[in-house]
């Protein structure tokens, strides 16, 4: 049930249920550029029963979805490599990151969204996915929920070159990484994208990739 005391103009997609320990007082949009940055004022009930007013900023880029594509016949996983500017300015020397195919939902169903992203980025046309996680990736500052899937593919699933969309500034390389290289690449830092590490470790721990 929504709180009648909430600001009437909640950002699109936001849902703030009525709770006894938090009262949202005001929401201000600080930036509306590529995505949106909000400042939220709220009262939080502390463990001693007292109330404390706090202000935090939340970056809203929408929710997203990603998928680990694995080929049991060839014993490879299908990953992407592309330039990520925020990583470049924070110590990632060339700005390139190896990742699972992923993208923003843009109000689409997570499964349908990730199927479309896979085809755009890798050229693989898939239809059968299994959802394994629904995670908040950086809850201290970003609103994003990330829906993560796994899907088995074969060479026959690849119907195009992939590479992403030029109009969105994408220039994506498609990689086929052998199963035996996964753990060494995580360990030595060649793979350091969080969603990708989570999905790869899930696959290794659960035996998804076979023996």
N, C-alpha and C. Protein backbone atom coordinates (compact mmCIF):
# COMPACT_ATOMS: atom_id res chain seq x y z
N UNK A 1 0.85 -1.19 0.00
CA UNK A 1 0.00 0.00 0.00
C UNK A 1 0.88 1.24 0.00
N UNK A 2 0.59 2.18 -0.85
CA UNK A 2 1.37 3.39 -0.93
C UNK A 2 1.07 4.30 0.25
N UNK A 3 2.06 5.08 0.64
CA UNK A 3 1.92 6.02 1.75
C UNK A 3 1.32 7.32 1.22
N UNK A 4 0.16 7.77 1.75
CA UNK A 4 -0.44 9.01 1.26
C UNK A 4 0.41 10.23 1.56
N UNK A 5 1.37 10.11 2.48
CA UNK A 5 2.23 11.24 2.81
C UNK A 5 3.43 11.36 1.88
N UNK A 6 3.58 10.41 0.96
CA UNK A 6 4.69 10.47 0.01
C UNK A 6 4.52 11.64 -0.95
N UNK A 7 5.63 12.13 -1.52
CA UNK A 7 5.50 13.11 -2.60
C UNK A 7 4.63 12.55 -3.72
N UNK A 8 3.79 13.39 -4.28
CA UNK A 8 2.81 12.92 -5.28
C UNK A 8 3.44 12.60 -6.62
N UNK A 9 4.60 13.18 -6.92
CA UNK A 9 5.22 13.01 -8.23
C UNK A 9 6.44 12.09 -8.14
N UNK A 10 6.18 10.81 -7.83
CA UNK A 10 7.27 9.84 -7.77
C UNK A 10 7.88 9.64 -9.15
N UNK A 11 9.19 9.44 -9.23
CA UNK A 11 9.82 9.15 -10.52
C UNK A 11 9.21 7.92 -11.17
N UNK A 12 9.21 7.91 -12.49
CA UNK A 12 8.66 6.79 -13.24
C UNK A 12 9.33 5.49 -12.86
N UNK A 13 8.50 4.49 -12.52
CA UNK A 13 9.02 3.18 -12.17
C UNK A 13 9.31 2.99 -10.70
N UNK A 14 9.29 4.05 -9.91
CA UNK A 14 9.57 3.93 -8.49
C UNK A 14 8.34 3.41 -7.75
N UNK A 15 8.58 2.56 -6.77
CA UNK A 15 7.51 2.03 -5.92
C UNK A 15 7.99 2.10 -4.48
N UNK A 16 7.32 2.90 -3.64
CA UNK A 16 7.75 3.08 -2.26
C UNK A 16 6.61 2.63 -1.35
N UNK A 17 6.68 1.41 -0.81
CA UNK A 17 5.60 0.91 0.04
C UNK A 17 5.59 1.59 1.41
N UNK A 18 4.46 1.54 2.08
CA UNK A 18 4.36 2.10 3.43
C UNK A 18 5.11 1.19 4.40
N UNK A 19 5.99 1.79 5.17
CA UNK A 19 6.77 1.07 6.16
C UNK A 19 6.79 1.85 7.47
N UNK A 20 6.97 1.15 8.58
CA UNK A 20 6.99 1.79 9.89
C UNK A 20 8.34 2.41 10.23
N UNK A 21 9.40 2.05 9.50
CA UNK A 21 10.73 2.51 9.88
C UNK A 21 11.32 3.57 8.95
N UNK A 22 10.59 3.95 7.91
CA UNK A 22 11.12 4.97 6.99
C UNK A 22 9.99 5.82 6.45
N UNK A 23 10.24 7.12 6.35
CA UNK A 23 9.27 8.07 5.79
C UNK A 23 9.98 8.94 4.77
N UNK A 24 9.61 8.79 3.52
CA UNK A 24 10.21 9.61 2.46
C UNK A 24 9.53 10.97 2.45
N UNK A 25 10.33 12.02 2.54
CA UNK A 25 9.79 13.38 2.66
C UNK A 25 9.83 14.16 1.35
N UNK A 26 10.89 14.04 0.59
CA UNK A 26 10.98 14.81 -0.65
C UNK A 26 11.94 14.13 -1.61
N UNK A 27 11.66 14.33 -2.90
CA UNK A 27 12.48 13.77 -3.98
C UNK A 27 12.72 14.87 -5.01
N UNK A 28 13.99 15.18 -5.26
CA UNK A 28 14.33 16.22 -6.22
C UNK A 28 15.23 15.65 -7.31
N UNK A 29 14.92 15.96 -8.56
CA UNK A 29 15.75 15.53 -9.68
C UNK A 29 16.90 16.52 -9.87
N UNK A 30 18.13 16.04 -9.71
CA UNK A 30 19.31 16.89 -9.84
C UNK A 30 19.86 16.90 -11.26
N UNK A 31 19.65 15.81 -11.99
CA UNK A 31 20.17 15.72 -13.35
C UNK A 31 19.29 14.79 -14.17
N UNK A 32 18.99 15.19 -15.39
CA UNK A 32 18.20 14.38 -16.32
C UNK A 32 18.91 14.40 -17.66
N UNK A 33 19.97 13.61 -17.74
CA UNK A 33 20.80 13.61 -18.94
C UNK A 33 20.73 12.24 -19.58
N UNK A 34 21.81 11.45 -19.47
CA UNK A 34 21.77 10.08 -20.01
C UNK A 34 20.77 9.25 -19.22
N UNK A 35 20.90 9.33 -17.87
CA UNK A 35 19.89 8.78 -16.97
C UNK A 35 19.57 9.86 -15.95
N UNK A 36 18.98 9.52 -14.80
CA UNK A 36 18.54 10.55 -13.86
C UNK A 36 19.19 10.37 -12.49
N UNK A 37 19.52 11.51 -11.89
CA UNK A 37 20.07 11.53 -10.55
C UNK A 37 19.09 12.26 -9.63
N UNK A 38 18.69 11.58 -8.55
CA UNK A 38 17.72 12.15 -7.61
C UNK A 38 18.36 12.34 -6.24
N UNK A 39 17.89 13.38 -5.54
CA UNK A 39 18.21 13.57 -4.13
C UNK A 39 16.95 13.25 -3.33
N UNK A 40 17.06 12.34 -2.37
CA UNK A 40 15.92 11.87 -1.60
C UNK A 40 16.13 12.22 -0.13
N UNK A 41 15.16 12.93 0.44
CA UNK A 41 15.17 13.22 1.87
C UNK A 41 14.20 12.28 2.58
N UNK A 42 14.64 11.69 3.68
CA UNK A 42 13.78 10.73 4.37
C UNK A 42 14.12 10.69 5.85
N UNK A 43 13.16 10.24 6.64
CA UNK A 43 13.37 10.00 8.06
C UNK A 43 13.50 8.50 8.28
N UNK A 44 14.54 8.09 9.02
CA UNK A 44 14.80 6.69 9.27
C UNK A 44 14.74 6.41 10.77
N UNK A 45 13.96 5.42 11.15
CA UNK A 45 13.84 5.05 12.56
C UNK A 45 15.03 4.18 12.95
N UNK A 46 15.81 4.63 13.92
CA UNK A 46 16.99 3.91 14.35
C UNK A 46 16.64 2.78 15.31
N UNK A 47 17.60 1.92 15.61
CA UNK A 47 17.33 0.77 16.46
C UNK A 47 16.96 1.17 17.89
N UNK A 48 17.34 2.39 18.33
CA UNK A 48 16.97 2.84 19.67
C UNK A 48 15.60 3.50 19.71
N UNK A 49 14.89 3.52 18.56
CA UNK A 49 13.55 4.08 18.49
C UNK A 49 13.48 5.53 18.09
N UNK A 50 14.63 6.21 18.03
CA UNK A 50 14.64 7.61 17.63
C UNK A 50 14.60 7.74 16.11
N UNK A 51 14.15 8.92 15.64
CA UNK A 51 14.09 9.19 14.21
C UNK A 51 15.23 10.11 13.81
N UNK A 52 15.85 9.82 12.65
CA UNK A 52 16.94 10.64 12.13
C UNK A 52 16.65 11.02 10.69
N UNK A 53 16.75 12.30 10.39
CA UNK A 53 16.55 12.75 9.00
C UNK A 53 17.84 12.55 8.23
N UNK A 54 17.75 11.98 7.03
CA UNK A 54 18.91 11.76 6.19
C UNK A 54 18.60 12.20 4.76
N UNK A 55 19.63 12.51 4.03
CA UNK A 55 19.53 12.84 2.60
C UNK A 55 20.54 12.00 1.84
N UNK A 56 20.07 11.34 0.80
CA UNK A 56 20.94 10.52 -0.05
C UNK A 56 20.63 10.81 -1.52
N UNK A 57 21.61 10.53 -2.37
CA UNK A 57 21.40 10.64 -3.81
C UNK A 57 21.31 9.24 -4.42
N UNK A 58 20.42 9.09 -5.40
CA UNK A 58 20.21 7.80 -6.05
C UNK A 58 20.25 8.00 -7.56
N UNK A 59 21.10 7.23 -8.21
CA UNK A 59 21.21 7.29 -9.67
C UNK A 59 20.26 6.26 -10.26
N UNK A 60 19.36 6.72 -11.11
CA UNK A 60 18.33 5.86 -11.68
C UNK A 60 18.60 5.66 -13.17
N UNK A 61 19.11 4.48 -13.51
CA UNK A 61 19.37 4.14 -14.91
C UNK A 61 18.40 3.08 -15.41
N UNK A 62 17.35 2.80 -14.62
CA UNK A 62 16.42 1.74 -14.96
C UNK A 62 16.96 0.39 -14.51
N UNK A 63 16.16 -0.63 -14.67
CA UNK A 63 16.57 -1.99 -14.33
C UNK A 63 17.17 -2.68 -15.56
N UNK A 64 17.87 -3.78 -15.32
CA UNK A 64 18.55 -4.43 -16.42
C UNK A 64 18.47 -5.95 -16.36
N UNK A 65 19.04 -6.57 -17.37
CA UNK A 65 19.07 -8.04 -17.45
C UNK A 65 20.33 -8.47 -18.18
N UNK A 66 20.86 -9.62 -17.76
CA UNK A 66 22.03 -10.18 -18.42
C UNK A 66 21.92 -11.69 -18.45
N UNK A 67 22.70 -12.33 -19.33
CA UNK A 67 22.59 -13.79 -19.47
C UNK A 67 23.96 -14.40 -19.77
N UNK A 68 24.22 -15.52 -19.13
CA UNK A 68 25.41 -16.31 -19.45
C UNK A 68 25.03 -17.34 -20.51
N UNK A 69 25.64 -17.22 -21.67
CA UNK A 69 25.46 -18.18 -22.75
C UNK A 69 26.57 -19.22 -22.68
N UNK A 70 26.20 -20.50 -22.61
CA UNK A 70 27.22 -21.54 -22.53
C UNK A 70 26.95 -22.62 -23.58
N UNK A 71 28.03 -23.07 -24.18
CA UNK A 71 27.98 -24.07 -25.24
C UNK A 71 28.63 -25.35 -24.71
N UNK A 72 27.82 -26.32 -24.33
CA UNK A 72 28.35 -27.55 -23.76
C UNK A 72 29.11 -28.38 -24.79
N UNK A 73 28.65 -28.34 -26.03
CA UNK A 73 29.32 -29.14 -27.08
C UNK A 73 30.74 -28.65 -27.33
N UNK A 74 30.92 -27.33 -27.38
CA UNK A 74 32.25 -26.76 -27.63
C UNK A 74 33.00 -26.43 -26.35
N UNK A 75 32.32 -26.56 -25.20
CA UNK A 75 32.90 -26.23 -23.89
C UNK A 75 33.42 -24.80 -23.86
N UNK A 76 32.53 -23.88 -24.25
CA UNK A 76 32.87 -22.46 -24.22
C UNK A 76 31.70 -21.65 -23.65
N UNK A 77 32.01 -20.45 -23.18
CA UNK A 77 30.98 -19.48 -22.84
C UNK A 77 31.13 -18.30 -23.79
N UNK A 78 29.99 -17.67 -24.10
CA UNK A 78 29.98 -16.56 -25.04
C UNK A 78 29.94 -15.26 -24.25
N UNK A 79 30.99 -14.46 -24.37
CA UNK A 79 31.09 -13.20 -23.65
C UNK A 79 31.31 -12.05 -24.63
N UNK A 80 31.23 -10.84 -24.11
CA UNK A 80 31.44 -9.65 -24.93
C UNK A 80 32.58 -8.83 -24.35
N UNK A 81 33.14 -7.97 -25.19
CA UNK A 81 34.19 -7.07 -24.73
C UNK A 81 33.92 -5.69 -25.32
N UNK A 82 33.85 -4.69 -24.44
CA UNK A 82 33.58 -3.34 -24.92
C UNK A 82 34.16 -2.30 -23.97
N UNK A 83 34.24 -1.06 -24.45
CA UNK A 83 34.78 0.05 -23.66
C UNK A 83 33.73 0.53 -22.67
N UNK A 84 34.15 0.69 -21.41
CA UNK A 84 33.27 1.18 -20.35
C UNK A 84 33.93 2.40 -19.71
N UNK A 85 33.42 3.59 -20.04
CA UNK A 85 34.05 4.83 -19.61
C UNK A 85 34.21 4.94 -18.08
N UNK A 86 33.17 4.63 -17.26
CA UNK A 86 33.36 4.77 -15.82
C UNK A 86 34.50 3.91 -15.27
N UNK A 87 34.72 2.73 -15.86
CA UNK A 87 35.84 1.90 -15.41
C UNK A 87 37.17 2.51 -15.84
N UNK A 88 37.18 3.17 -16.99
CA UNK A 88 38.40 3.77 -17.53
C UNK A 88 38.91 4.89 -16.63
N UNK A 89 38.01 5.69 -16.05
CA UNK A 89 38.43 6.80 -15.19
C UNK A 89 38.67 6.34 -13.75
N UNK A 90 38.50 5.04 -13.48
CA UNK A 90 38.70 4.55 -12.12
C UNK A 90 39.65 3.35 -12.08
N UNK A 91 40.71 3.43 -12.88
CA UNK A 91 41.78 2.46 -12.73
C UNK A 91 41.80 1.31 -13.71
N UNK A 92 40.79 1.19 -14.59
CA UNK A 92 40.83 0.15 -15.62
C UNK A 92 41.59 0.72 -16.81
N UNK A 93 42.83 0.29 -16.97
CA UNK A 93 43.81 0.99 -17.80
C UNK A 93 43.34 1.28 -19.22
N UNK A 94 42.74 0.30 -19.90
CA UNK A 94 42.28 0.56 -21.28
C UNK A 94 40.78 0.76 -21.37
N UNK A 95 40.08 0.63 -20.25
CA UNK A 95 38.63 0.85 -20.23
C UNK A 95 37.81 -0.30 -20.79
N UNK A 96 38.46 -1.38 -21.22
CA UNK A 96 37.74 -2.50 -21.81
C UNK A 96 37.33 -3.49 -20.72
N UNK A 97 36.10 -3.99 -20.81
CA UNK A 97 35.62 -4.99 -19.87
C UNK A 97 35.03 -6.18 -20.62
N UNK A 98 35.31 -7.36 -20.10
CA UNK A 98 34.70 -8.59 -20.60
C UNK A 98 33.45 -8.87 -19.78
N UNK A 99 32.32 -9.06 -20.46
CA UNK A 99 31.04 -9.17 -19.77
C UNK A 99 30.14 -10.20 -20.44
N UNK A 100 29.12 -10.63 -19.70
CA UNK A 100 28.01 -11.36 -20.33
C UNK A 100 27.16 -10.35 -21.10
N UNK A 101 26.43 -10.77 -22.13
CA UNK A 101 25.51 -9.86 -22.81
C UNK A 101 24.47 -9.35 -21.82
N UNK A 102 24.19 -8.05 -21.89
CA UNK A 102 23.27 -7.45 -20.93
C UNK A 102 22.77 -6.12 -21.47
N UNK A 103 21.71 -5.61 -20.85
CA UNK A 103 21.18 -4.32 -21.26
C UNK A 103 20.09 -3.83 -20.34
N UNK A 104 19.68 -2.59 -20.55
CA UNK A 104 18.61 -1.97 -19.77
C UNK A 104 17.26 -2.45 -20.27
N UNK A 105 16.31 -2.63 -19.35
CA UNK A 105 15.00 -3.16 -19.73
C UNK A 105 14.18 -2.21 -20.59
N UNK A 106 14.22 -0.90 -20.28
CA UNK A 106 13.38 0.06 -21.01
C UNK A 106 11.92 -0.39 -21.01
N UNK A 107 11.39 -0.73 -19.83
CA UNK A 107 9.99 -1.12 -19.62
C UNK A 107 9.63 -2.47 -20.27
N UNK A 108 10.62 -3.23 -20.75
CA UNK A 108 10.35 -4.54 -21.32
C UNK A 108 10.41 -5.61 -20.24
N UNK A 109 9.77 -6.76 -20.50
CA UNK A 109 9.94 -7.92 -19.66
C UNK A 109 11.42 -8.31 -19.65
N UNK A 110 11.99 -8.66 -18.48
CA UNK A 110 13.42 -8.97 -18.43
C UNK A 110 13.86 -10.04 -19.41
N UNK A 111 13.07 -11.11 -19.56
CA UNK A 111 13.46 -12.18 -20.46
C UNK A 111 13.44 -11.72 -21.91
N UNK A 112 12.40 -11.00 -22.29
CA UNK A 112 12.32 -10.50 -23.67
C UNK A 112 13.42 -9.48 -23.94
N UNK A 113 13.72 -8.66 -22.94
CA UNK A 113 14.77 -7.65 -23.12
C UNK A 113 16.12 -8.29 -23.34
N UNK A 114 16.44 -9.31 -22.55
CA UNK A 114 17.77 -9.89 -22.67
C UNK A 114 17.90 -10.72 -23.95
N UNK A 115 16.81 -11.32 -24.40
CA UNK A 115 16.85 -12.03 -25.69
C UNK A 115 17.21 -11.06 -26.82
N UNK A 116 16.60 -9.86 -26.78
CA UNK A 116 16.90 -8.85 -27.80
C UNK A 116 18.34 -8.36 -27.68
N UNK A 117 18.81 -8.14 -26.45
CA UNK A 117 20.18 -7.68 -26.25
C UNK A 117 21.20 -8.70 -26.74
N UNK A 118 20.93 -9.97 -26.49
CA UNK A 118 21.84 -11.03 -26.94
C UNK A 118 22.00 -11.00 -28.46
N UNK A 119 20.89 -10.86 -29.16
CA UNK A 119 20.96 -10.85 -30.63
C UNK A 119 21.72 -9.62 -31.12
N UNK A 120 21.47 -8.45 -30.50
CA UNK A 120 22.17 -7.24 -30.92
C UNK A 120 23.66 -7.32 -30.65
N UNK A 121 24.03 -7.85 -29.50
CA UNK A 121 25.42 -7.83 -29.08
C UNK A 121 26.25 -8.98 -29.64
N UNK A 122 25.64 -10.16 -29.75
CA UNK A 122 26.41 -11.35 -30.11
C UNK A 122 25.99 -12.02 -31.41
N UNK A 123 24.80 -11.71 -31.91
CA UNK A 123 24.29 -12.39 -33.09
C UNK A 123 23.60 -13.70 -32.79
N UNK A 124 23.58 -14.12 -31.52
CA UNK A 124 22.91 -15.37 -31.14
C UNK A 124 21.42 -15.12 -30.97
N UNK A 125 20.61 -15.99 -31.55
CA UNK A 125 19.16 -15.90 -31.41
C UNK A 125 18.72 -17.03 -30.50
N UNK A 126 18.27 -16.67 -29.31
CA UNK A 126 17.94 -17.67 -28.30
C UNK A 126 16.49 -17.50 -27.86
N UNK A 127 15.97 -18.54 -27.20
CA UNK A 127 14.58 -18.46 -26.73
C UNK A 127 14.36 -19.08 -25.37
N UNK A 128 15.21 -20.01 -24.97
CA UNK A 128 15.02 -20.71 -23.70
C UNK A 128 16.05 -20.23 -22.69
N UNK A 129 15.56 -19.58 -21.61
CA UNK A 129 16.44 -19.06 -20.58
C UNK A 129 15.95 -19.52 -19.21
N UNK A 130 16.86 -19.55 -18.26
CA UNK A 130 16.53 -19.85 -16.87
C UNK A 130 17.02 -18.70 -16.01
N UNK A 131 16.10 -18.08 -15.25
CA UNK A 131 16.52 -17.00 -14.37
C UNK A 131 17.12 -17.58 -13.09
N UNK A 132 18.27 -17.03 -12.70
CA UNK A 132 18.97 -17.55 -11.51
C UNK A 132 19.15 -16.50 -10.42
N UNK A 133 19.09 -15.20 -10.77
CA UNK A 133 19.28 -14.16 -9.77
C UNK A 133 18.42 -12.94 -10.09
N UNK A 134 18.07 -12.19 -9.03
CA UNK A 134 17.43 -10.87 -9.12
C UNK A 134 18.14 -10.03 -8.07
N UNK A 135 19.11 -9.20 -8.49
CA UNK A 135 20.06 -8.60 -7.56
C UNK A 135 20.07 -7.07 -7.65
N UNK A 136 20.40 -6.44 -6.52
CA UNK A 136 20.75 -5.03 -6.49
C UNK A 136 22.28 -4.96 -6.54
N UNK A 137 22.82 -4.38 -7.61
CA UNK A 137 24.25 -4.46 -7.83
C UNK A 137 25.06 -3.42 -7.07
N UNK A 138 24.50 -2.25 -6.82
CA UNK A 138 25.22 -1.20 -6.09
C UNK A 138 24.20 -0.40 -5.29
N UNK A 139 23.61 -1.01 -4.24
CA UNK A 139 22.45 -0.43 -3.56
C UNK A 139 22.74 0.83 -2.76
N UNK A 140 24.02 1.18 -2.56
CA UNK A 140 24.32 2.40 -1.85
C UNK A 140 24.08 3.65 -2.67
N UNK A 141 24.02 3.52 -4.00
CA UNK A 141 23.90 4.72 -4.83
C UNK A 141 23.08 4.54 -6.10
N UNK A 142 22.81 3.31 -6.51
CA UNK A 142 22.13 3.06 -7.79
C UNK A 142 20.87 2.24 -7.54
N UNK A 143 19.75 2.63 -8.17
CA UNK A 143 18.47 1.96 -7.95
C UNK A 143 18.36 0.63 -8.70
N UNK A 144 19.23 0.36 -9.64
CA UNK A 144 19.09 -0.76 -10.58
C UNK A 144 18.92 -2.13 -9.91
N UNK A 145 17.91 -2.86 -10.38
CA UNK A 145 17.78 -4.29 -10.12
C UNK A 145 18.20 -5.02 -11.39
N UNK A 146 19.01 -6.06 -11.22
CA UNK A 146 19.53 -6.78 -12.38
C UNK A 146 19.03 -8.22 -12.37
N UNK A 147 18.33 -8.60 -13.43
CA UNK A 147 17.80 -9.95 -13.58
C UNK A 147 18.83 -10.75 -14.39
N UNK A 148 19.33 -11.84 -13.80
CA UNK A 148 20.39 -12.61 -14.43
C UNK A 148 19.91 -14.01 -14.80
N UNK A 149 20.25 -14.42 -16.02
CA UNK A 149 19.79 -15.68 -16.60
C UNK A 149 20.98 -16.52 -17.05
N UNK A 150 20.69 -17.79 -17.34
CA UNK A 150 21.63 -18.66 -18.05
C UNK A 150 20.88 -19.29 -19.22
N UNK A 151 21.62 -19.61 -20.29
CA UNK A 151 21.00 -20.23 -21.46
C UNK A 151 22.03 -21.06 -22.21
N UNK A 152 21.66 -22.28 -22.52
CA UNK A 152 22.55 -23.12 -23.33
C UNK A 152 22.36 -22.79 -24.80
N UNK A 153 23.48 -22.72 -25.53
CA UNK A 153 23.42 -22.42 -26.96
C UNK A 153 24.31 -23.41 -27.72
N UNK A 154 24.08 -23.45 -29.02
CA UNK A 154 24.97 -24.19 -29.93
C UNK A 154 25.41 -23.22 -31.02
N UNK A 155 26.30 -23.66 -31.88
CA UNK A 155 26.74 -22.80 -32.98
C UNK A 155 25.59 -22.41 -33.90
N UNK A 156 24.58 -23.28 -33.98
CA UNK A 156 23.43 -23.01 -34.85
C UNK A 156 22.61 -21.81 -34.37
N UNK A 157 22.76 -21.43 -33.11
CA UNK A 157 22.01 -20.28 -32.59
C UNK A 157 22.57 -18.94 -33.09
N UNK A 158 23.79 -18.96 -33.60
CA UNK A 158 24.37 -17.70 -34.05
C UNK A 158 23.95 -17.42 -35.49
N UNK A 159 23.11 -16.39 -35.64
CA UNK A 159 22.57 -16.05 -36.96
C UNK A 159 23.09 -14.72 -37.49
N UNK A 160 23.87 -14.02 -36.67
CA UNK A 160 24.41 -12.73 -37.13
C UNK A 160 25.77 -12.47 -36.51
N UNK A 161 26.33 -11.31 -36.82
CA UNK A 161 27.67 -10.96 -36.34
C UNK A 161 27.63 -10.32 -34.96
N UNK A 162 26.51 -9.71 -34.59
CA UNK A 162 26.46 -8.99 -33.33
C UNK A 162 27.22 -7.68 -33.43
N UNK A 163 27.79 -7.25 -32.31
CA UNK A 163 28.56 -6.00 -32.31
C UNK A 163 27.85 -4.83 -31.69
N UNK A 164 26.53 -4.95 -31.45
CA UNK A 164 25.78 -3.86 -30.85
C UNK A 164 25.25 -2.88 -31.87
N UNK A 165 24.70 -1.78 -31.37
CA UNK A 165 24.06 -0.77 -32.22
C UNK A 165 24.94 0.46 -32.35
N UNK A 166 25.23 0.85 -33.59
CA UNK A 166 26.06 2.02 -33.85
C UNK A 166 25.45 3.27 -33.24
N UNK A 167 24.12 3.42 -33.36
CA UNK A 167 23.46 4.63 -32.87
C UNK A 167 23.51 4.76 -31.35
N UNK A 168 23.81 3.66 -30.67
CA UNK A 168 23.97 3.71 -29.21
C UNK A 168 25.44 3.74 -28.81
N UNK A 169 26.31 3.92 -29.78
CA UNK A 169 27.73 4.03 -29.50
C UNK A 169 28.40 2.71 -29.16
N UNK A 170 27.77 1.60 -29.52
CA UNK A 170 28.32 0.29 -29.16
C UNK A 170 29.29 -0.21 -30.23
N UNK A 171 30.36 -0.81 -29.79
CA UNK A 171 31.36 -1.43 -30.67
C UNK A 171 31.87 -2.66 -29.93
N UNK A 172 31.14 -3.76 -30.03
CA UNK A 172 31.29 -4.91 -29.15
C UNK A 172 31.96 -6.08 -29.86
N UNK A 173 33.01 -6.61 -29.23
CA UNK A 173 33.64 -7.84 -29.71
C UNK A 173 32.97 -9.04 -29.04
N UNK A 174 32.79 -10.12 -29.79
CA UNK A 174 32.20 -11.35 -29.27
C UNK A 174 33.34 -12.35 -29.01
N UNK A 175 33.37 -12.88 -27.79
CA UNK A 175 34.43 -13.80 -27.39
C UNK A 175 33.85 -15.18 -27.09
N UNK A 176 34.61 -16.21 -27.42
CA UNK A 176 34.28 -17.57 -26.99
C UNK A 176 35.40 -18.03 -26.06
N UNK A 177 35.06 -18.14 -24.79
CA UNK A 177 36.06 -18.45 -23.77
C UNK A 177 35.92 -19.91 -23.36
N UNK A 178 36.98 -20.70 -23.46
CA UNK A 178 36.92 -22.10 -23.03
C UNK A 178 36.60 -22.22 -21.54
N UNK A 179 35.86 -23.26 -21.19
CA UNK A 179 35.53 -23.48 -19.79
C UNK A 179 36.78 -23.46 -18.90
N UNK A 180 37.86 -24.08 -19.38
CA UNK A 180 39.07 -24.20 -18.57
C UNK A 180 39.75 -22.86 -18.30
N UNK A 181 39.39 -21.82 -19.08
CA UNK A 181 40.01 -20.51 -18.91
C UNK A 181 39.22 -19.60 -17.97
N UNK A 182 38.01 -20.00 -17.59
CA UNK A 182 37.13 -19.11 -16.83
C UNK A 182 37.75 -18.73 -15.49
N UNK A 183 38.08 -19.71 -14.67
CA UNK A 183 38.60 -19.42 -13.34
C UNK A 183 39.92 -18.66 -13.38
N UNK A 184 40.88 -19.04 -14.24
CA UNK A 184 42.11 -18.24 -14.32
C UNK A 184 41.84 -16.78 -14.73
N UNK A 185 40.88 -16.53 -15.61
CA UNK A 185 40.60 -15.17 -16.06
C UNK A 185 39.95 -14.34 -14.95
N UNK A 186 39.15 -14.99 -14.09
CA UNK A 186 38.59 -14.29 -12.94
C UNK A 186 39.70 -14.01 -11.92
N UNK A 187 40.54 -15.01 -11.67
CA UNK A 187 41.58 -14.90 -10.66
C UNK A 187 42.60 -13.82 -11.00
N UNK A 188 43.00 -13.73 -12.28
CA UNK A 188 44.04 -12.76 -12.63
C UNK A 188 43.48 -11.40 -13.05
N UNK A 189 42.16 -11.24 -13.00
CA UNK A 189 41.56 -9.93 -13.25
C UNK A 189 41.22 -9.62 -14.68
N UNK A 190 41.38 -10.57 -15.58
CA UNK A 190 40.95 -10.31 -16.96
C UNK A 190 39.44 -10.20 -17.04
N UNK A 191 38.72 -10.92 -16.18
CA UNK A 191 37.27 -10.76 -16.04
C UNK A 191 37.03 -10.16 -14.66
N UNK A 192 36.49 -8.93 -14.64
CA UNK A 192 36.27 -8.25 -13.36
C UNK A 192 34.94 -7.53 -13.29
N UNK A 193 34.07 -7.78 -14.25
CA UNK A 193 32.71 -7.24 -14.20
C UNK A 193 31.88 -8.09 -13.22
N UNK A 194 31.20 -7.42 -12.28
CA UNK A 194 30.55 -8.13 -11.18
C UNK A 194 29.49 -9.13 -11.64
N UNK A 195 28.58 -8.71 -12.52
CA UNK A 195 27.50 -9.61 -12.94
C UNK A 195 28.05 -10.83 -13.66
N UNK A 196 29.15 -10.62 -14.39
CA UNK A 196 29.77 -11.72 -15.14
C UNK A 196 30.44 -12.70 -14.19
N UNK A 197 31.16 -12.18 -13.20
CA UNK A 197 31.80 -13.05 -12.21
C UNK A 197 30.74 -13.85 -11.44
N UNK A 198 29.64 -13.20 -11.07
CA UNK A 198 28.57 -13.88 -10.34
C UNK A 198 28.01 -15.04 -11.15
N UNK A 199 27.71 -14.79 -12.42
CA UNK A 199 27.14 -15.84 -13.26
C UNK A 199 28.14 -16.96 -13.54
N UNK A 200 29.38 -16.61 -13.78
CA UNK A 200 30.39 -17.64 -14.04
C UNK A 200 30.65 -18.49 -12.80
N UNK A 201 30.72 -17.86 -11.64
CA UNK A 201 30.92 -18.63 -10.41
C UNK A 201 29.70 -19.52 -10.13
N UNK A 202 28.51 -19.00 -10.41
CA UNK A 202 27.30 -19.82 -10.26
C UNK A 202 27.40 -21.06 -11.15
N UNK A 203 27.82 -20.87 -12.39
CA UNK A 203 27.93 -21.99 -13.33
C UNK A 203 28.96 -23.00 -12.87
N UNK A 204 30.08 -22.52 -12.33
CA UNK A 204 31.13 -23.42 -11.87
C UNK A 204 30.71 -24.17 -10.61
N UNK A 205 30.07 -23.47 -9.68
CA UNK A 205 29.69 -24.08 -8.40
C UNK A 205 28.55 -25.08 -8.53
N UNK A 206 27.65 -24.83 -9.47
CA UNK A 206 26.46 -25.69 -9.61
C UNK A 206 26.66 -26.84 -10.61
N UNK A 207 27.81 -26.86 -11.28
CA UNK A 207 28.04 -27.91 -12.27
C UNK A 207 27.31 -27.69 -13.57
N UNK A 208 26.85 -26.47 -13.79
CA UNK A 208 26.11 -26.16 -15.02
C UNK A 208 26.94 -26.43 -16.27
N UNK A 209 28.24 -26.28 -16.16
CA UNK A 209 29.11 -26.44 -17.32
C UNK A 209 29.63 -27.85 -17.48
N UNK A 210 29.07 -28.79 -16.69
CA UNK A 210 29.47 -30.18 -16.80
C UNK A 210 30.79 -30.43 -16.08
N UNK A 211 31.39 -31.58 -16.36
CA UNK A 211 32.62 -31.98 -15.70
C UNK A 211 33.83 -31.67 -16.57
